[in-house]
PDB file of N, CA and C in Angstrom:
ATOM      1  N   MET A   1     -96.159 102.742 -14.850  1.00  0.00           N
ATOM      2  CA  MET A   1     -96.908 103.961 -15.092  1.00  0.00           C
ATOM      3  C   MET A   1     -97.593 103.843 -16.454  1.00  0.00           C
ATOM      4  N   ILE A   2     -98.858 104.205 -16.500  1.00  0.00           N
ATOM      5  CA  ILE A   2     -99.607 104.171 -17.750  1.00  0.00           C
ATOM      6  C   ILE A   2     -99.521 105.553 -18.392  1.00  0.00           C
ATOM      7  N   ILE A   3     -99.022 105.599 -19.611  1.00  0.00           N
ATOM      8  CA  ILE A   3     -98.817 106.859 -20.336  1.00  0.00           C
ATOM      9  C   ILE A   3     -99.932 107.015 -21.365  1.00  0.00           C
ATOM     10  N   PRO A   4    -100.552 108.206 -21.441  1.00  0.00           N
ATOM     11  CA  PRO A   4    -101.622 108.395 -22.424  1.00  0.00           C
ATOM     12  C   PRO A   4    -101.090 108.334 -23.856  1.00  0.00           C
ATOM     13  N   ARG A   5    -101.945 107.914 -24.792  1.00  0.00           N
ATOM     14  CA  ARG A   5    -101.549 107.784 -26.205  1.00  0.00           C
ATOM     15  C   ARG A   5    -101.414 109.139 -26.884  1.00  0.00           C
ATOM     16  N   GLU A   6    -102.117 110.146 -26.375  1.00  0.00           N
ATOM     17  CA  GLU A   6    -102.042 111.491 -26.956  1.00  0.00           C
ATOM     18  C   GLU A   6    -101.831 112.520 -25.855  1.00  0.00           C
ATOM     19  N   ILE A   7    -100.941 113.490 -26.134  1.00  0.00           N
ATOM     20  CA  ILE A   7    -100.637 114.564 -25.189  1.00  0.00           C
ATOM     21  C   ILE A   7    -100.726 115.885 -25.942  1.00  0.00           C
ATOM     22  N   ARG A   8    -101.321 116.885 -25.298  1.00  0.00           N
ATOM     23  CA  ARG A   8    -101.355 118.216 -25.897  1.00  0.00           C
ATOM     24  C   ARG A   8    -100.175 118.993 -25.329  1.00  0.00           C
ATOM     25  N   THR A   9     -99.186 119.293 -26.186  1.00  0.00           N
ATOM     26  CA  THR A   9     -97.971 119.981 -25.742  1.00  0.00           C
ATOM     27  C   THR A   9     -97.453 120.903 -26.846  1.00  0.00           C
ATOM     28  N   TYR A  10     -96.402 121.669 -26.542  1.00  0.00           N
ATOM     29  CA  TYR A  10     -95.880 122.678 -27.458  1.00  0.00           C
ATOM     30  C   TYR A  10     -95.094 122.040 -28.602  1.00  0.00           C
ATOM     31  N   CYS A  11     -95.374 122.506 -29.831  1.00  0.00           N
ATOM     32  CA  CYS A  11     -94.627 122.068 -31.008  1.00  0.00           C
ATOM     33  C   CYS A  11     -93.768 123.237 -31.484  1.00  0.00           C
ATOM     34  N   PRO A  12     -92.428 123.085 -31.507  1.00  0.00           N
ATOM     35  CA  PRO A  12     -91.566 124.198 -31.914  1.00  0.00           C
ATOM     36  C   PRO A  12     -91.706 124.568 -33.384  1.00  0.00           C
ATOM     37  N   ARG A  13     -92.114 123.631 -34.234  1.00  0.00           N
ATOM     38  CA  ARG A  13     -92.266 123.956 -35.655  1.00  0.00           C
ATOM     39  C   ARG A  13     -93.571 124.734 -35.905  1.00  0.00           C
ATOM     40  N   CYS A  14     -94.667 124.287 -35.274  1.00  0.00           N
ATOM     41  CA  CYS A  14     -95.960 124.991 -35.424  1.00  0.00           C
ATOM     42  C   CYS A  14     -95.998 126.268 -34.579  1.00  0.00           C
ATOM     43  N   ARG A  15     -95.139 126.334 -33.557  1.00  0.00           N
ATOM     44  CA  ARG A  15     -95.072 127.444 -32.600  1.00  0.00           C
ATOM     45  C   ARG A  15     -96.383 127.637 -31.843  1.00  0.00           C
ATOM     46  N   LYS A  16     -97.022 126.512 -31.511  1.00  0.00           N
ATOM     47  CA  LYS A  16     -98.232 126.554 -30.694  1.00  0.00           C
ATOM     48  C   LYS A  16     -98.428 125.185 -30.049  1.00  0.00           C
ATOM     49  N   HIS A  17     -99.358 125.099 -29.105  1.00  0.00           N
ATOM     50  CA  HIS A  17     -99.677 123.831 -28.467  1.00  0.00           C
ATOM     51  C   HIS A  17    -100.583 123.021 -29.383  1.00  0.00           C
ATOM     52  N   THR A  18    -100.170 121.792 -29.668  1.00  0.00           N
ATOM     53  CA  THR A  18    -100.954 120.903 -30.515  1.00  0.00           C
ATOM     54  C   THR A  18    -101.009 119.517 -29.875  1.00  0.00           C
ATOM     55  N   VAL A  19    -101.868 118.666 -30.406  1.00  0.00           N
ATOM     56  CA  VAL A  19    -101.971 117.281 -29.931  1.00  0.00           C
ATOM     57  C   VAL A  19    -100.827 116.483 -30.540  1.00  0.00           C
ATOM     58  N   HIS A  20    -100.138 115.703 -29.701  1.00  0.00           N
ATOM     59  CA  HIS A  20     -99.017 114.871 -30.138  1.00  0.00           C
ATOM     60  C   HIS A  20     -99.328 113.406 -29.866  1.00  0.00           C
ATOM     61  N   LYS A  21     -98.949 112.534 -30.794  1.00  0.00           N
ATOM     62  CA  LYS A  21     -99.075 111.088 -30.608  1.00  0.00           C
ATOM     63  C   LYS A  21     -97.858 110.627 -29.809  1.00  0.00           C
ATOM     64  N   VAL A  22     -98.073 109.800 -28.795  1.00  0.00           N
ATOM     65  CA  VAL A  22     -97.001 109.375 -27.898  1.00  0.00           C
ATOM     66  C   VAL A  22     -96.608 107.925 -28.182  1.00  0.00           C
ATOM     67  N   SER A  23     -95.291 107.672 -28.259  1.00  0.00           N
ATOM     68  CA  SER A  23     -94.784 106.310 -28.331  1.00  0.00           C
ATOM     69  C   SER A  23     -93.510 106.249 -27.493  1.00  0.00           C
ATOM     70  N   ILE A  24     -93.086 105.041 -27.149  1.00  0.00           N
ATOM     71  CA  ILE A  24     -91.876 104.866 -26.344  1.00  0.00           C
ATOM     72  C   ILE A  24     -90.698 104.677 -27.287  1.00  0.00           C
ATOM     73  N   TYR A  25     -89.651 105.499 -27.108  1.00  0.00           N
ATOM     74  CA  TYR A  25     -88.472 105.476 -27.980  1.00  0.00           C
ATOM     75  C   TYR A  25     -87.675 104.202 -27.753  1.00  0.00           C
ATOM     76  N   LYS A  26     -87.325 103.524 -28.837  1.00  0.00           N
ATOM     77  CA  LYS A  26     -86.484 102.340 -28.769  1.00  0.00           C
ATOM     78  C   LYS A  26     -85.187 102.610 -29.521  1.00  0.00           C
ATOM     79  N   LYS A  27     -84.059 102.247 -28.907  1.00  0.00           N
ATOM     80  CA  LYS A  27     -82.754 102.443 -29.519  1.00  0.00           C
ATOM     81  C   LYS A  27     -82.573 101.449 -30.655  1.00  0.00           C
ATOM     82  N   GLY A  28     -82.003 101.888 -31.761  1.00  0.00           N
ATOM     83  CA  GLY A  28     -81.738 101.001 -32.894  1.00  0.00           C
ATOM     84  C   GLY A  28     -80.515 100.135 -32.635  1.00  0.00           C
ATOM     85  N   LYS A  29     -80.239  99.225 -33.545  1.00  0.00           N
ATOM     86  CA  LYS A  29     -79.097  98.332 -33.399  1.00  0.00           C
ATOM     87  C   LYS A  29     -77.801  99.111 -33.606  1.00  0.00           C
ATOM     88  N   ASP A  30     -76.804  98.845 -32.740  1.00  0.00           N
ATOM     89  CA  ASP A  30     -75.508  99.513 -32.845  1.00  0.00           C
ATOM     90  C   ASP A  30     -74.779  99.081 -34.110  1.00  0.00           C
ATOM     91  N   SER A  31     -74.079 100.034 -34.730  1.00  0.00           N
ATOM     92  CA  SER A  31     -73.283  99.725 -35.906  1.00  0.00           C
ATOM     93  C   SER A  31     -71.923  99.185 -35.466  1.00  0.00           C
ATOM     94  N   PRO A  32     -71.467  98.075 -36.043  1.00  0.00           N
ATOM     95  CA  PRO A  32     -70.160  97.544 -35.657  1.00  0.00           C
ATOM     96  C   PRO A  32     -69.002  98.333 -36.266  1.00  0.00           C
ATOM     97  N   PHE A  33     -69.291  99.337 -37.095  1.00  0.00           N
ATOM     98  CA  PHE A  33     -68.248 100.100 -37.785  1.00  0.00           C
ATOM     99  C   PHE A  33     -67.994 101.467 -37.160  1.00  0.00           C
ATOM    100  N   ARG A  34     -68.578 101.722 -35.974  1.00  0.00           N
ATOM    101  CA  ARG A  34     -68.300 102.971 -35.277  1.00  0.00           C
ATOM    102  C   ARG A  34     -66.851 102.972 -34.816  1.00  0.00           C
ATOM    103  N   TRP A  35     -66.233 104.153 -34.761  1.00  0.00           N
ATOM    104  CA  TRP A  35     -64.813 104.259 -34.461  1.00  0.00           C
ATOM    105  C   TRP A  35     -64.480 103.690 -33.089  1.00  0.00           C
ATOM    106  N   GLY A  36     -65.289 103.941 -32.080  1.00  0.00           N
ATOM    107  CA  GLY A  36     -65.026 103.440 -30.740  1.00  0.00           C
ATOM    108  C   GLY A  36     -65.031 101.920 -30.676  1.00  0.00           C
ATOM    109  N   VAL A  37     -65.962 101.305 -31.405  1.00  0.00           N
ATOM    110  CA  VAL A  37     -66.072  99.843 -31.424  1.00  0.00           C
ATOM    111  C   VAL A  37     -64.847  99.240 -32.112  1.00  0.00           C
ATOM    112  N   ILE A  38     -64.442  99.811 -33.242  1.00  0.00           N
ATOM    113  CA  ILE A  38     -63.284  99.325 -33.993  1.00  0.00           C
ATOM    114  C   ILE A  38     -62.014  99.450 -33.145  1.00  0.00           C
ATOM    115  N   LYS A  39     -61.835 100.593 -32.486  1.00  0.00           N
ATOM    116  CA  LYS A  39     -60.653 100.842 -31.654  1.00  0.00           C
ATOM    117  C   LYS A  39     -60.603  99.862 -30.482  1.00  0.00           C
ATOM    118  N   HIS A  40     -61.760  99.614 -29.867  1.00  0.00           N
ATOM    119  CA  HIS A  40     -61.816  98.689 -28.735  1.00  0.00           C
ATOM    120  C   HIS A  40     -61.450  97.270 -29.177  1.00  0.00           C
ATOM    121  N   GLU A  41     -61.877  96.881 -30.366  1.00  0.00           N
ATOM    122  CA  GLU A  41     -61.529  95.554 -30.891  1.00  0.00           C
ATOM    123  C   GLU A  41     -60.022  95.430 -31.118  1.00  0.00           C
ATOM    124  N   TRP A  42     -59.400  96.520 -31.607  1.00  0.00           N
ATOM    125  CA  TRP A  42     -57.937  96.523 -31.793  1.00  0.00           C
ATOM    126  C   TRP A  42     -57.242  96.312 -30.455  1.00  0.00           C
ATOM    127  N   GLU A  43     -57.708  97.032 -29.414  1.00  0.00           N
ATOM    128  CA  GLU A  43     -57.069  96.978 -28.102  1.00  0.00           C
ATOM    129  C   GLU A  43     -57.236  95.617 -27.442  1.00  0.00           C
ATOM    130  N   LYS A  44     -58.355  94.936 -27.705  1.00  0.00           N
ATOM    131  CA  LYS A  44     -58.606  93.614 -27.122  1.00  0.00           C
ATOM    132  C   LYS A  44     -57.802  92.515 -27.802  1.00  0.00           C
ATOM    133  N   LYS A  45     -57.370  92.762 -29.039  1.00  0.00           N
ATOM    134  CA  LYS A  45     -56.680  91.754 -29.831  1.00  0.00           C
ATOM    135  C   LYS A  45     -55.296  91.436 -29.231  1.00  0.00           C
ATOM    136  N   GLY A  46     -54.889  90.185 -29.294  1.00  0.00           N
ATOM    137  CA  GLY A  46     -53.551  89.791 -28.827  1.00  0.00           C
ATOM    138  C   GLY A  46     -53.511  89.601 -27.326  1.00  0.00           C
ATOM    139  N   TYR A  47     -52.331  89.789 -26.731  1.00  0.00           N
ATOM    140  CA  TYR A  47     -52.158  89.596 -25.293  1.00  0.00           C
ATOM    141  C   TYR A  47     -52.654  90.829 -24.553  1.00  0.00           C
ATOM    142  N   GLY A  48     -53.136  90.627 -23.328  1.00  0.00           N
ATOM    143  CA  GLY A  48     -53.573  91.764 -22.507  1.00  0.00           C
ATOM    144  C   GLY A  48     -55.068  91.795 -22.309  1.00  0.00           C
ATOM    145  N   GLY A  49     -55.826  91.495 -23.357  1.00  0.00           N
ATOM    146  CA  GLY A  49     -57.289  91.408 -23.228  1.00  0.00           C
ATOM    147  C   GLY A  49     -57.974  92.747 -23.005  1.00  0.00           C
ATOM    148  N   GLN A  50     -58.971  92.734 -22.129  1.00  0.00           N
ATOM    149  CA  GLN A  50     -59.850  93.891 -21.890  1.00  0.00           C
ATOM    150  C   GLN A  50     -59.055  95.097 -21.388  1.00  0.00           C
ATOM    151  N   LYS A  51     -59.351  96.285 -21.911  1.00  0.00           N
ATOM    152  CA  LYS A  51     -58.588  97.492 -21.552  1.00  0.00           C
ATOM    153  C   LYS A  51     -59.171  98.211 -20.343  1.00  0.00           C
ATOM    154  N   TRP A  52     -60.409  97.871 -19.939  1.00  0.00           N
ATOM    155  CA  TRP A  52     -60.968  98.443 -18.717  1.00  0.00           C
ATOM    156  C   TRP A  52     -61.742  97.339 -17.999  1.00  0.00           C
ATOM    157  N   PRO A  53     -61.942  97.464 -16.683  1.00  0.00           N
ATOM    158  CA  PRO A  53     -62.602  96.388 -15.947  1.00  0.00           C
ATOM    159  C   PRO A  53     -64.023  96.147 -16.454  1.00  0.00           C
ATOM    160  N   MET A  54     -64.385  94.880 -16.618  1.00  0.00           N
ATOM    161  CA  MET A  54     -65.741  94.551 -17.047  1.00  0.00           C
ATOM    162  C   MET A  54     -66.674  94.680 -15.846  1.00  0.00           C
ATOM    163  N   LEU A  55     -67.860  95.223 -16.069  1.00  0.00           N
ATOM    164  CA  LEU A  55     -68.833  95.466 -15.006  1.00  0.00           C
ATOM    165  C   LEU A  55     -69.414  94.140 -14.522  1.00  0.00           C
ATOM    166  N   LYS A  56     -69.265  93.863 -13.227  1.00  0.00           N
ATOM    167  CA  LYS A  56     -69.732  92.597 -12.667  1.00  0.00           C
ATOM    168  C   LYS A  56     -71.184  92.678 -12.190  1.00  0.00           C
ATOM    169  N   ARG A  57     -71.561  93.839 -11.621  1.00  0.00           N
ATOM    170  CA  ARG A  57     -72.937  93.976 -11.128  1.00  0.00           C
ATOM    171  C   ARG A  57     -73.517  95.309 -11.593  1.00  0.00           C
ATOM    172  N   LYS A  58     -74.823  95.335 -11.806  1.00  0.00           N
ATOM    173  CA  LYS A  58     -75.492  96.560 -12.246  1.00  0.00           C
ATOM    174  C   LYS A  58     -75.802  97.432 -11.045  1.00  0.00           C
ATOM    175  N   ALA A  59     -75.611  98.744 -11.189  1.00  0.00           N
ATOM    176  CA  ALA A  59     -75.884  99.667 -10.100  1.00  0.00           C
ATOM    177  C   ALA A  59     -77.348 100.111 -10.114  1.00  0.00           C
ATOM    178  N   LYS A  60     -77.900 100.268 -11.309  1.00  0.00           N
ATOM    179  CA  LYS A  60     -79.270 100.771 -11.433  1.00  0.00           C
ATOM    180  C   LYS A  60     -80.259  99.611 -11.565  1.00  0.00           C
ATOM    181  N   THR A  61     -81.454  99.809 -11.002  1.00  0.00           N
ATOM    182  CA  THR A  61     -82.494  98.779 -11.101  1.00  0.00           C
ATOM    183  C   THR A  61     -83.514  99.113 -12.189  1.00  0.00           C
ATOM    184  N   THR A  62     -83.515 100.360 -12.649  1.00  0.00           N
ATOM    185  CA  THR A  62     -84.477 100.780 -13.672  1.00  0.00           C
ATOM    186  C   THR A  62     -83.756 101.449 -14.828  1.00  0.00           C
ATOM    187  N   LYS A  63     -84.430 101.547 -15.958  1.00  0.00           N
ATOM    188  CA  LYS A  63     -83.898 102.281 -17.108  1.00  0.00           C
ATOM    189  C   LYS A  63     -84.731 103.539 -17.296  1.00  0.00           C
ATOM    190  N   LYS A  64     -84.139 104.522 -17.973  1.00  0.00           N
ATOM    191  CA  LYS A  64     -84.878 105.745 -18.267  1.00  0.00           C
ATOM    192  C   LYS A  64     -85.698 105.534 -19.537  1.00  0.00           C
ATOM    193  N   VAL A  65     -86.986 105.856 -19.470  1.00  0.00           N
ATOM    194  CA  VAL A  65     -87.882 105.710 -20.608  1.00  0.00           C
ATOM    195  C   VAL A  65     -88.001 107.063 -21.301  1.00  0.00           C
ATOM    196  N   VAL A  66     -87.652 107.097 -22.591  1.00  0.00           N
ATOM    197  CA  VAL A  66     -87.743 108.331 -23.377  1.00  0.00           C
ATOM    198  C   VAL A  66     -89.017 108.273 -24.201  1.00  0.00           C
ATOM    199  N   LEU A  67     -89.803 109.360 -24.150  1.00  0.00           N
ATOM    200  CA  LEU A  67     -91.049 109.415 -24.910  1.00  0.00           C
ATOM    201  C   LEU A  67     -90.807 110.099 -26.246  1.00  0.00           C
ATOM    202  N   LYS A  68     -91.357 109.525 -27.307  1.00  0.00           N
ATOM    203  CA  LYS A  68     -91.250 110.097 -28.646  1.00  0.00           C
ATOM    204  C   LYS A  68     -92.603 110.707 -28.984  1.00  0.00           C
ATOM    205  N   LEU A  69     -92.635 112.035 -29.113  1.00  0.00           N
ATOM    206  CA  LEU A  69     -93.883 112.756 -29.387  1.00  0.00           C
ATOM    207  C   LEU A  69     -93.906 113.190 -30.842  1.00  0.00           C
ATOM    208  N   THR A  70     -94.970 112.826 -31.573  1.00  0.00           N
ATOM    209  CA  THR A  70     -95.118 113.195 -32.978  1.00  0.00           C
ATOM    210  C   THR A  70     -96.297 114.140 -33.106  1.00  0.00           C
ATOM    211  N   CYS A  71     -96.051 115.336 -33.651  1.00  0.00           N
ATOM    212  CA  CYS A  71     -97.104 116.340 -33.824  1.00  0.00           C
ATOM    213  C   CYS A  71     -98.109 115.854 -34.871  1.00  0.00           C
ATOM    214  N   ASN A  72     -99.403 115.951 -34.547  1.00  0.00           N
ATOM    215  CA  ASN A  72    -100.446 115.499 -35.470  1.00  0.00           C
ATOM    216  C   ASN A  72    -100.627 116.452 -36.646  1.00  0.00           C
ATOM    217  N   GLU A  73    -100.234 117.727 -36.483  1.00  0.00           N
ATOM    218  CA  GLU A  73    -100.428 118.710 -37.554  1.00  0.00           C
ATOM    219  C   GLU A  73     -99.295 118.700 -38.579  1.00  0.00           C
ATOM    220  N   CYS A  74     -98.023 118.727 -38.091  1.00  0.00           N
ATOM    221  CA  CYS A  74     -96.896 118.842 -39.034  1.00  0.00           C
ATOM    222  C   CYS A  74     -96.003 117.597 -39.073  1.00  0.00           C
ATOM    223  N   GLY A  75     -96.167 116.672 -38.123  1.00  0.00           N
ATOM    224  CA  GLY A  75     -95.369 115.443 -38.117  1.00  0.00           C
ATOM    225  C   GLY A  75     -94.000 115.591 -37.484  1.00  0.00           C
ATOM    226  N   TYR A  76     -93.718 116.737 -36.862  1.00  0.00           N
ATOM    227  CA  TYR A  76     -92.430 116.982 -36.203  1.00  0.00           C
ATOM    228  C   TYR A  76     -92.290 116.074 -34.988  1.00  0.00           C
ATOM    229  N   ILE A  77     -91.102 115.488 -34.794  1.00  0.00           N
ATOM    230  CA  ILE A  77     -90.878 114.542 -33.697  1.00  0.00           C
ATOM    231  C   ILE A  77     -90.025 115.195 -32.612  1.00  0.00           C
ATOM    232  N   ILE A  78     -90.487 115.084 -31.369  1.00  0.00           N
ATOM    233  CA  ILE A  78     -89.763 115.590 -30.201  1.00  0.00           C
ATOM    234  C   ILE A  78     -89.470 114.401 -29.294  1.00  0.00           C
ATOM    235  N   HIS A  79     -88.267 114.350 -28.715  1.00  0.00           N
ATOM    236  CA  HIS A  79     -87.957 113.346 -27.701  1.00  0.00           C
ATOM    237  C   HIS A  79     -88.071 114.008 -26.346  1.00  0.00           C
ATOM    238  N   LYS A  80     -88.947 113.501 -25.516  1.00  0.00           N
ATOM    239  CA  LYS A  80     -89.143 114.022 -24.161  1.00  0.00           C
ATOM    240  C   LYS A  80     -88.111 113.365 -23.250  1.00  0.00           C
ATOM    241  N   GLU A  81     -87.540 114.149 -22.341  1.00  0.00           N
ATOM    242  CA  GLU A  81     -86.467 113.674 -21.460  1.00  0.00           C
ATOM    243  C   GLU A  81     -86.868 112.405 -20.715  1.00  0.00           C
ATOM    244  N   GLY A  82     -85.909 111.503 -20.528  1.00  0.00           N
ATOM    245  CA  GLY A  82     -86.172 110.200 -19.914  1.00  0.00           C
ATOM    246  C   GLY A  82     -86.581 110.283 -18.455  1.00  0.00           C
ATOM    247  N   ILE A  83     -87.518 109.418 -18.062  1.00  0.00           N
ATOM    248  CA  ILE A  83     -87.991 109.328 -16.683  1.00  0.00           C
ATOM    249  C   ILE A  83     -87.662 107.919 -16.201  1.00  0.00           C
ATOM    250  N   ARG A  84     -87.183 107.782 -14.959  1.00  0.00           N
ATOM    251  CA  ARG A  84     -86.897 106.454 -14.411  1.00  0.00           C
ATOM    252  C   ARG A  84     -88.199 105.792 -13.983  1.00  0.00           C
ATOM    253  N   LEU A  85     -88.509 104.668 -14.611  1.00  0.00           N
ATOM    254  CA  LEU A  85     -89.732 103.932 -14.291  1.00  0.00           C
ATOM    255  C   LEU A  85     -89.427 102.435 -14.241  1.00  0.00           C
ATOM    256  N   LYS A  86     -90.084 101.736 -13.319  1.00  0.00           N
ATOM    257  CA  LYS A  86     -89.986 100.271 -13.261  1.00  0.00           C
ATOM    258  C   LYS A  86     -90.660  99.689 -14.500  1.00  0.00           C
ATOM    259  N   LYS A  87     -91.876 100.201 -14.792  1.00  0.00           N
ATOM    260  CA  LYS A  87     -92.649  99.677 -15.907  1.00  0.00           C
ATOM    261  C   LYS A  87     -93.411 100.825 -16.566  1.00  0.00           C
ATOM    262  N   ALA A  88     -93.276 100.956 -17.877  1.00  0.00           N
ATOM    263  CA  ALA A  88     -93.995 101.988 -18.616  1.00  0.00           C
ATOM    264  C   ALA A  88     -94.821 101.318 -19.698  1.00  0.00           C
ATOM    265  N   GLU A  89     -96.107 101.678 -19.766  1.00  0.00           N
ATOM    266  CA  GLU A  89     -96.952 101.134 -20.829  1.00  0.00           C
ATOM    267  C   GLU A  89     -97.889 102.226 -21.319  1.00  0.00           C
ATOM    268  N   LEU A  90     -98.242 102.142 -22.593  1.00  0.00           N
ATOM    269  CA  LEU A  90     -99.157 103.105 -23.182  1.00  0.00           C
ATOM    270  C   LEU A  90    -100.593 102.705 -22.879  1.00  0.00           C
ATOM    271  N   ALA A  91    -101.441 103.699 -22.654  1.00  0.00           N
ATOM    272  CA  ALA A  91    -102.859 103.443 -22.343  1.00  0.00           C
ATOM    273  C   ALA A  91    -103.528 102.769 -23.532  1.00  0.00           C
ATOM    274  N   ARG A  92    -104.520 101.973 -23.269  1.00  0.00           N
ATOM    275  CA  ARG A  92    -105.238 101.250 -24.337  1.00  0.00           C
ATOM    276  C   ARG A  92    -106.149 102.157 -25.107  1.00  0.00           C
TER     277      ARG A  92
END
Protein backbone atom coordinates (compact mmCIF):
# COMPACT_ATOMS: atom_id res chain seq x y z
CA MET A 1 0.00 0.00 0.00
CA ILE A 2 1.32 3.44 -0.91
CA ILE A 3 0.86 5.92 1.94
CA PRO A 4 0.78 9.67 1.23
CA ARG A 5 3.60 11.81 2.70
CA GLU A 6 1.13 14.33 4.14
CA ILE A 7 -2.29 13.79 5.73
CA ARG A 8 -4.75 16.40 6.95
CA THR A 9 -6.04 15.12 10.31
CA TYR A 10 -6.97 16.26 13.83
CA CYS A 11 -4.22 17.54 16.15
CA PRO A 12 -5.15 17.32 19.86
CA ARG A 13 -2.69 20.06 20.85
CA CYS A 14 -3.86 22.59 18.20
CA ARG A 15 -7.48 21.38 18.67
CA LYS A 16 -8.14 21.59 14.94
CA HIS A 17 -7.47 19.72 11.70
CA THR A 18 -3.98 20.43 10.38
CA VAL A 19 -1.56 18.95 7.84
CA HIS A 20 0.63 16.20 9.33
CA LYS A 21 3.88 14.76 7.95
CA VAL A 22 3.67 10.95 7.74
CA SER A 23 6.47 8.48 8.46
CA ILE A 24 6.54 4.77 9.34
CA TYR A 25 7.27 4.11 13.03
CA LYS A 26 10.33 1.96 13.70
CA LYS A 27 10.93 0.28 17.06
CA GLY A 28 14.21 1.20 18.77
CA LYS A 29 16.76 -1.29 20.03
CA ASP A 30 15.70 -3.23 23.15
CA SER A 31 17.56 -2.46 26.36
CA PRO A 32 19.30 -5.50 27.87
CA PHE A 33 18.72 -4.05 31.38
CA ARG A 34 14.92 -4.30 31.40
CA TRP A 35 13.60 -6.30 34.36
CA GLY A 36 11.93 -8.99 32.22
CA VAL A 37 15.11 -9.61 30.23
CA ILE A 38 17.27 -9.84 33.38
CA LYS A 39 14.79 -12.21 35.08
CA HIS A 40 14.60 -14.44 31.99
CA GLU A 41 18.41 -14.68 31.90
CA TRP A 42 18.42 -15.77 35.57
CA GLU A 43 15.83 -18.48 34.83
CA LYS A 44 17.77 -19.78 31.80
CA LYS A 45 21.02 -20.04 33.78
CA GLY A 46 22.12 -23.47 35.06
CA TYR A 47 20.17 -26.70 34.55
CA GLY A 48 16.66 -26.66 33.07
CA GLY A 49 17.17 -24.14 30.26
CA GLN A 50 14.25 -22.33 28.63
CA LYS A 51 11.29 -21.60 30.95
CA TRP A 52 8.65 -21.59 28.18
CA PRO A 53 8.46 -23.39 24.82
CA MET A 54 10.39 -21.67 22.04
CA LEU A 55 8.24 -20.74 19.04
CA LYS A 56 8.99 -23.08 16.13
CA ARG A 57 6.77 -21.53 13.44
CA LYS A 58 5.29 -18.07 12.93
CA ALA A 59 1.50 -17.77 12.93
CA LYS A 60 1.26 -14.37 11.25
CA THR A 61 2.43 -13.61 7.71
CA THR A 62 2.34 -9.81 8.06
CA LYS A 63 3.32 -7.21 10.64
CA LYS A 64 1.26 -4.24 11.76
CA VAL A 65 2.56 -0.94 10.37
CA VAL A 66 2.23 2.01 12.76
CA LEU A 67 2.13 5.49 11.21
CA LYS A 68 3.90 8.36 12.97
CA LEU A 69 2.12 11.66 12.26
CA THR A 70 3.92 14.95 13.02
CA CYS A 71 1.87 18.16 13.07
CA ASN A 72 3.35 20.82 10.77
CA GLU A 73 2.12 23.68 13.00
CA CYS A 74 3.14 22.61 16.54
CA GLY A 75 5.32 19.51 15.99
CA TYR A 76 3.10 17.23 18.13
CA ILE A 77 3.56 13.53 17.28
CA ILE A 78 0.64 11.08 17.07
CA HIS A 79 0.96 7.32 16.51
CA LYS A 80 -1.83 6.03 14.28
CA GLU A 81 -3.07 2.52 15.10
CA GLY A 82 -1.29 -0.30 13.25
CA ILE A 83 -2.71 -1.74 10.02
CA ARG A 84 -1.79 -5.22 8.74
CA LEU A 85 -0.06 -4.80 5.39
CA LYS A 86 2.16 -7.04 3.25
CA LYS A 87 4.11 -4.02 2.04
CA ALA A 88 3.89 -0.36 3.08
CA GLU A 89 5.76 2.44 1.33
CA LEU A 90 5.54 6.21 1.40
CA ALA A 91 4.54 8.02 -1.80
CA ARG A 92 7.36 9.71 -3.73
